[in-house]
Protein backbone atom coordinates (compact mmCIF):
# COMPACT_ATOMS: atom_id res chain seq x y z
CA UNK A 1 0.00 0.00 0.00
CA UNK A 2 2.80 2.41 0.91
CA UNK A 3 6.46 2.59 -0.15
CA UNK A 4 7.55 2.74 3.48
CA UNK A 5 7.24 0.63 6.61
CA UNK A 6 7.15 2.08 10.10
CA UNK A 7 7.13 5.81 10.82
CA UNK A 8 9.47 7.09 13.50
CA UNK A 9 9.15 10.07 15.83
CA UNK A 10 12.37 12.07 15.87
CA UNK A 11 13.31 14.81 18.34
CA UNK A 12 16.28 17.10 18.72
CA UNK A 13 17.10 20.08 20.88
CA UNK A 14 17.49 22.35 17.86
CA UNK A 15 19.51 22.92 14.68
CA UNK A 16 23.02 21.56 14.99
CA UNK A 17 22.02 19.07 17.68
CA UNK A 18 21.75 15.29 17.17
CA UNK A 19 18.46 13.61 16.34
CA UNK A 20 17.01 11.06 18.72
CA UNK A 21 14.59 8.49 17.32
CA UNK A 22 12.33 8.48 20.37
CA UNK A 23 9.27 6.57 19.15
CA UNK A 24 7.75 4.38 16.48
CA UNK A 25 4.36 4.48 14.74
CA UNK A 26 3.38 1.01 13.49
CA UNK A 27 0.71 0.98 10.81
CA UNK A 28 -0.95 -2.41 10.44
CA UNK A 29 -4.26 -3.75 9.18
CA UNK A 30 -5.15 -4.56 12.78
CA UNK A 31 -4.67 -0.92 13.79
CA UNK A 32 -2.05 1.76 14.31
CA UNK A 33 0.03 2.00 17.48
CA UNK A 34 2.58 4.39 18.90
CA UNK A 35 5.20 3.58 21.51
CA UNK A 36 8.40 5.15 22.75
CA UNK A 37 11.85 3.60 22.37
CA UNK A 38 12.65 3.79 26.05
CA UNK A 39 16.44 3.61 26.04
CA UNK A 40 16.62 6.39 23.44
CA UNK A 41 14.19 8.52 25.44
CA UNK A 42 16.48 8.22 28.45
CA UNK A 43 19.37 9.54 26.36
CA UNK A 44 17.25 12.35 24.91
CA UNK A 45 16.15 13.47 28.36
CA UNK A 46 19.71 14.61 29.00
CA UNK A 47 19.20 17.11 26.16
CA UNK A 48 15.87 18.29 27.56
CA UNK A 49 13.39 15.94 25.89
CA UNK A 50 9.87 15.76 27.30
CA UNK A 51 7.19 13.35 26.00
CA UNK A 52 4.72 14.29 23.30
CA UNK A 53 1.83 16.06 25.03
CA UNK A 54 -0.88 13.57 24.00
CA UNK A 55 1.37 10.58 24.74
CA UNK A 56 2.80 11.27 28.20
CA UNK A 57 3.50 7.71 29.37
CA UNK A 58 6.90 6.46 28.18
CA UNK A 59 6.10 2.81 28.91
CA UNK A 60 2.68 2.61 27.27
CA UNK A 61 1.68 1.31 23.84
CA UNK A 62 -0.93 3.74 22.50
CA UNK A 63 -3.58 2.46 20.12
CA UNK A 64 -6.31 5.12 20.29
CA UNK A 65 -6.46 8.05 17.83
CA UNK A 66 -2.75 7.77 16.93
CA UNK A 67 -3.16 8.97 13.34
CA UNK A 68 -5.69 11.64 14.30
CA UNK A 69 -3.33 13.09 16.90
CA UNK A 70 -0.21 13.11 14.74
CA UNK A 71 -2.12 14.37 11.69
CA UNK A 72 -2.82 17.58 13.59
CA UNK A 73 0.75 18.44 12.58
CA UNK A 74 -0.20 18.50 8.89
CA UNK A 75 -0.80 21.61 6.81
CA UNK A 76 -4.45 22.30 5.99
CA UNK A 77 -5.22 21.10 2.49
CA UNK A 78 -7.68 23.93 1.84
CA UNK A 79 -4.89 26.54 1.87
CA UNK A 80 -4.52 28.62 -1.27
CA UNK A 81 -0.86 27.62 -1.63
CA UNK A 82 -1.44 23.90 -1.19
CA UNK A 83 -0.34 23.09 -4.76
CA UNK A 84 3.07 24.69 -4.10
CA UNK A 85 3.37 22.68 -0.89
CA UNK A 86 2.52 19.39 -2.60
CA UNK A 87 4.92 20.14 -5.43
CA UNK A 88 7.76 20.94 -3.03
CA UNK A 89 7.41 17.54 -1.34
CA UNK A 90 6.77 15.72 -4.67
CA UNK A 91 3.36 14.51 -3.50
CA UNK A 92 0.93 13.39 -6.24
CA UNK A 93 -2.52 14.96 -6.18
CA UNK A 94 -4.03 11.52 -5.60
CA UNK A 95 -2.34 11.44 -2.16
CA UNK A 96 -3.29 14.96 -1.06
CA UNK A 97 -5.88 13.67 1.41
CA UNK A 98 -3.97 10.62 2.63
CA UNK A 99 -2.90 11.57 6.17
CA UNK A 100 -0.45 8.71 6.59
CA UNK A 101 1.23 9.42 3.24
CA UNK A 102 1.41 13.14 4.02
CA UNK A 103 2.96 12.54 7.45
CA UNK A 104 5.60 10.32 5.89
CA UNK A 105 6.46 12.54 2.95
CA UNK A 106 6.36 15.98 4.62
CA UNK A 107 7.92 14.92 7.94
CA UNK A 108 5.00 16.67 9.68
CA UNK A 109 7.06 19.66 10.71
CA UNK A 110 5.73 22.32 13.05
CA UNK A 111 7.50 25.62 13.83
CA UNK A 112 6.52 25.28 17.50
CA UNK A 113 8.47 22.13 18.43
CA UNK A 114 11.46 19.99 17.48
CA UNK A 115 9.67 16.81 16.47
CA UNK A 116 9.65 15.21 13.02
CA UNK A 117 8.02 12.10 11.61
CA UNK A 118 10.44 10.09 9.49
CA UNK A 119 9.51 7.17 7.25
CA UNK A 120 11.63 4.10 6.68
CA UNK A 121 11.37 3.86 2.91
CA UNK A 122 11.78 0.83 0.69
CA UNK A 123 13.65 1.04 -2.66
CA UNK A 124 10.58 0.30 -4.75
CA UNK A 125 10.32 0.93 -8.47
CA UNK A 126 8.52 4.26 -8.13
CA UNK A 127 10.18 5.51 -4.93
CA UNK A 128 10.34 9.30 -4.69
CA UNK A 129 10.70 11.35 -1.53
CA UNK A 130 12.23 14.64 -0.42
CA UNK A 131 14.54 14.95 2.56
CA UNK A 132 16.83 17.61 3.99
CA UNK A 133 20.54 16.98 4.41
CA UNK A 134 21.90 16.71 7.95
CA UNK A 135 25.28 17.95 9.17
CA UNK A 136 25.41 21.28 7.31
CA UNK A 137 26.31 23.16 10.49
CA UNK A 138 29.49 21.05 10.60
CA UNK A 139 30.45 20.89 6.91
CA UNK A 140 29.76 24.62 6.30
CA UNK A 141 29.47 24.22 2.53
CA UNK A 142 29.90 27.50 0.58
CA UNK A 143 26.53 28.47 -0.89
CA UNK A 144 27.84 28.68 -4.46
CA UNK A 145 29.01 25.05 -4.41
CA UNK A 146 25.60 23.60 -5.23
CA UNK A 147 22.74 24.42 -7.58
CA UNK A 148 19.15 23.21 -7.78
CA UNK A 149 19.07 20.36 -10.27
CA UNK A 150 22.53 19.04 -9.40
CA UNK A 151 22.79 15.28 -9.00
CA UNK A 152 24.93 14.29 -6.04
CA UNK A 153 26.53 11.03 -5.05
CA UNK A 154 26.27 8.99 -1.86
CA UNK A 155 28.58 6.75 0.13
CA UNK A 156 27.55 4.35 2.87
CA UNK A 157 29.77 4.87 5.90
CA UNK A 158 28.43 3.22 9.08
CA UNK A 159 29.31 5.12 12.25
CA UNK A 160 29.19 4.14 15.93
CA UNK A 161 26.33 6.58 16.51
CA UNK A 162 24.43 5.50 13.37
CA UNK A 163 25.10 2.19 11.65
CA UNK A 164 23.06 3.37 8.65
CA UNK A 165 25.04 6.57 8.07
CA UNK A 166 25.18 7.78 4.46
CA UNK A 167 27.42 10.62 3.28
CA UNK A 168 26.46 12.78 0.28
CA UNK A 169 28.95 14.47 -2.02
CA UNK A 170 29.09 17.08 -4.78
CA UNK A 171 32.15 15.93 -6.66
CA UNK A 172 34.85 15.27 -4.05
CA UNK A 173 33.27 17.59 -1.48
CA UNK A 174 31.30 16.22 1.47
CA UNK A 175 27.99 18.09 1.78
CA UNK A 176 26.53 16.27 4.78
CA UNK A 177 24.49 13.19 5.58
CA UNK A 178 21.14 11.67 4.75
CA UNK A 179 19.13 12.11 7.94
CA UNK A 180 18.42 9.21 10.28
CA UNK A 181 15.72 6.71 9.26
CA UNK A 182 15.66 8.11 5.71
CA UNK A 183 19.18 6.76 5.29
CA UNK A 184 18.13 3.15 5.86
CA UNK A 185 16.80 2.83 2.32
CA UNK A 186 20.40 3.03 1.06
CA UNK A 187 21.23 -0.21 2.90
CA UNK A 188 18.45 -2.25 1.30
CA UNK A 189 18.52 -4.39 -1.84
CA UNK A 190 18.14 -2.24 -4.93
CA UNK A 191 19.61 0.90 -3.36
CA UNK A 192 22.45 1.00 -5.90
CA UNK A 193 19.96 2.45 -8.39
CA UNK A 194 18.88 5.35 -6.20
CA UNK A 195 19.49 8.89 -7.42
CA UNK A 196 19.80 12.07 -5.34
CA UNK A 197 18.91 15.43 -6.90
CA UNK A 198 19.05 18.84 -5.24
CA UNK A 199 15.57 20.41 -5.23
CA UNK A 200 15.89 23.50 -2.98
CA UNK A 201 18.47 25.42 -0.98
CA UNK A 202 18.48 28.00 1.79
CA UNK A 203 21.66 30.07 1.79
CA UNK A 204 23.41 32.72 3.82
CA UNK A 205 27.02 32.65 2.66
CA UNK A 206 27.01 28.95 3.49
CA UNK A 207 24.25 26.40 3.04
CA UNK A 208 21.71 26.57 5.83
CA UNK A 209 19.35 23.97 4.46
CA UNK A 210 19.62 21.65 1.50
CA UNK A 211 16.66 19.65 0.22
CA UNK A 212 17.10 16.70 -2.09
CA UNK A 213 14.89 14.27 -3.94
CA UNK A 214 15.70 10.59 -3.55
CA UNK A 215 14.27 8.54 -6.40
CA UNK A 216 14.59 5.11 -7.95
C-alpha cells in the first residue's frame, strides 16, 4: 500500500544538535500503534526531551487516535498555496488527502516544536521522496558550491552513533548526511539504483538547508 514501513518520531534540541529516534508508529491492518523507544528517550532526556503532550506515558503502547493526533501536525489542504506545498514535497494529487502518506512525505514539521516524523522507505520501483541533508552546520558548505538540479553522489559509511550513516557528495566535497531513518533505504537491496537530486536550498554565505529528492 505504501512505499515505506514504520514511521518514527524524531526529536532534537534544535539545529546543529543530534536527532534522537524516540518513538515508532506502526501501521498495520489490525490498527495503528505508537510507543516510545525507552532507552533512546532516556538519552534524549539529557538534552531536555519531554514526552509528546498527547502521549505522556513512556512505557505505554498507545492504540487510540494515533493517526488523528499526529495528523494535527499536517498543513491544511484547503490553503490557497497547497499546490506549491505538494509540489515541493513531490506529492501526487491523488495522495493529497492521505494523512499517513502526508505525514511520511512531509515529515509533519511544526515551527513550534522539534519533532519530526520520518519514514523508513523501501527502494521500490517508483520511490520518490524529499529529505533535507543533515550535518550542514558542521560541513559549512559555501553556498555557491551547489545548484538546484545538481545530482549528487552517496557513500555508505556506518558510524558508531548510526550504523546506517550515508554521506552525500558534490564531486569530491562532502555536503553532509542523509538524515536518520531516511538513510536506511540506502542499505536495502536495490539501493544501488537510487538517485539524489538537489531540489531546494536556503543560503546565507554557506548552506543553511539543503533539500534533495531521492528517487529510484
